[in-house]
């Protein structure tokens, strides 16, 4: 049976929501299946490899909560934005002078 090929426009329907740039970066890091040249100006991905990659992401999702439950002291990822005050440590030029003038 011939293998199916995904073009870039087919990847979203296959469960890959990334941009071309992000996919290229992931390919270079070995974190996404490598594309191949169909013609001089078009590329494709082996559908079975992409489908297996999507399945592996789904399976790894289920493994994450189990690992966190076993190790409650695992570091928590802080997603809040840093809070900066105007002053000597403020990297923005002119802010220190404006803060002192307001006092």
Protein backbone atom coordinates (compact mmCIF):
# COMPACT_ATOMS: atom_id res chain seq x y z
CA UNK A 1 0.00 0.00 0.00
CA UNK A 2 1.43 3.43 -0.90
CA UNK A 3 2.28 5.79 1.93
CA UNK A 4 0.28 8.96 2.39
CA UNK A 5 2.02 12.34 2.33
CA UNK A 6 1.02 15.45 4.25
CA UNK A 7 1.66 18.81 2.67
CA UNK A 8 1.94 21.79 5.04
CA UNK A 9 -1.72 22.68 4.60
CA UNK A 10 -2.64 19.12 5.71
CA UNK A 11 -0.70 19.27 8.98
CA UNK A 12 -3.31 21.33 10.84
CA UNK A 13 -6.03 18.74 10.11
CA UNK A 14 -3.60 16.06 11.34
CA UNK A 15 -3.32 17.81 14.72
CA UNK A 16 -0.21 19.96 14.17
CA UNK A 17 -1.11 23.62 14.88
CA UNK A 18 2.34 25.13 14.34
CA UNK A 19 3.64 27.64 11.79
CA UNK A 20 6.14 26.70 9.10
CA UNK A 21 8.88 28.51 11.01
CA UNK A 22 8.17 26.61 14.22
CA UNK A 23 8.01 23.26 12.42
CA UNK A 24 11.36 23.98 10.74
CA UNK A 25 12.93 24.81 14.10
CA UNK A 26 11.52 21.61 15.61
CA UNK A 27 12.85 19.56 12.68
CA UNK A 28 16.33 20.99 13.17
CA UNK A 29 16.23 20.01 16.86
CA UNK A 30 14.99 16.51 15.99
CA UNK A 31 11.65 17.10 17.73
CA UNK A 32 9.45 16.70 14.64
CA UNK A 33 9.60 14.32 11.66
CA UNK A 34 11.82 15.51 8.82
CA UNK A 35 10.20 16.71 5.62
CA UNK A 36 11.31 15.54 2.18
CA UNK A 37 11.29 17.25 -1.21
CA UNK A 38 8.37 16.35 -3.43
CA UNK A 39 9.49 18.73 -6.16
CA UNK A 40 12.00 21.55 -6.29
CA UNK A 41 9.57 23.93 -4.55
CA UNK A 42 7.34 21.69 -2.45
CA UNK A 43 7.90 19.50 0.56
CA UNK A 44 5.90 16.87 2.38
CA UNK A 45 5.96 14.73 5.49
CA UNK A 46 5.31 11.00 5.70
CA UNK A 47 1.79 10.85 7.18
CA UNK A 48 2.57 7.82 9.35
CA UNK A 49 5.52 9.62 10.97
CA UNK A 50 3.45 12.74 11.69
CA UNK A 51 0.55 10.68 13.03
CA UNK A 52 2.96 8.75 15.30
CA UNK A 53 4.41 12.08 16.55
CA UNK A 54 0.90 13.37 17.39
CA UNK A 55 0.09 10.11 19.20
CA UNK A 56 3.31 10.34 21.21
CA UNK A 57 2.35 13.86 22.32
CA UNK A 58 -1.07 12.61 23.41
CA UNK A 59 0.50 9.71 25.35
CA UNK A 60 3.04 12.00 27.04
CA UNK A 61 0.20 14.27 28.18
CA UNK A 62 -1.21 11.42 30.25
CA UNK A 63 2.18 10.70 31.83
CA UNK A 64 2.80 14.24 33.12
CA UNK A 65 0.15 14.33 35.89
CA UNK A 66 1.29 10.95 37.20
CA UNK A 67 4.88 12.15 37.50
CA UNK A 68 3.79 15.33 39.28
CA UNK A 69 1.59 13.34 41.66
CA UNK A 70 4.51 11.09 42.58
CA UNK A 71 6.83 14.04 43.21
CA UNK A 72 4.96 16.94 44.83
CA UNK A 73 8.24 18.74 45.49
CA UNK A 74 8.91 19.05 41.75
CA UNK A 75 9.66 22.66 40.81
CA UNK A 76 6.65 24.70 39.81
CA UNK A 77 6.90 26.73 36.65
CA UNK A 78 6.14 30.36 37.44
CA UNK A 79 4.20 31.86 34.54
CA UNK A 80 3.47 35.25 36.08
CA UNK A 81 5.15 38.32 34.62
CA UNK A 82 7.94 39.87 36.66
CA UNK A 83 7.02 42.98 38.60
CA UNK A 84 9.37 45.91 38.13
CA UNK A 85 9.52 49.10 40.09
CA UNK A 86 10.88 52.35 38.71
CA UNK A 87 14.29 52.95 40.21
CA UNK A 88 17.95 52.08 39.93
CA UNK A 89 17.30 48.56 38.69
CA UNK A 90 14.95 49.70 35.90
CA UNK A 91 16.70 49.11 32.54
CA UNK A 92 14.53 51.65 30.73
CA UNK A 93 16.39 54.93 30.22
CA UNK A 94 14.96 58.03 31.86
CA UNK A 95 12.69 56.17 34.26
CA UNK A 96 14.96 56.71 37.25
CA UNK A 97 15.04 60.45 36.71
CA UNK A 98 11.26 60.58 36.21
CA UNK A 99 10.70 58.55 39.37
CA UNK A 100 12.94 60.82 41.41
CA UNK A 101 11.30 63.97 39.99
CA UNK A 102 7.87 62.68 40.99
CA UNK A 103 8.94 62.39 44.64
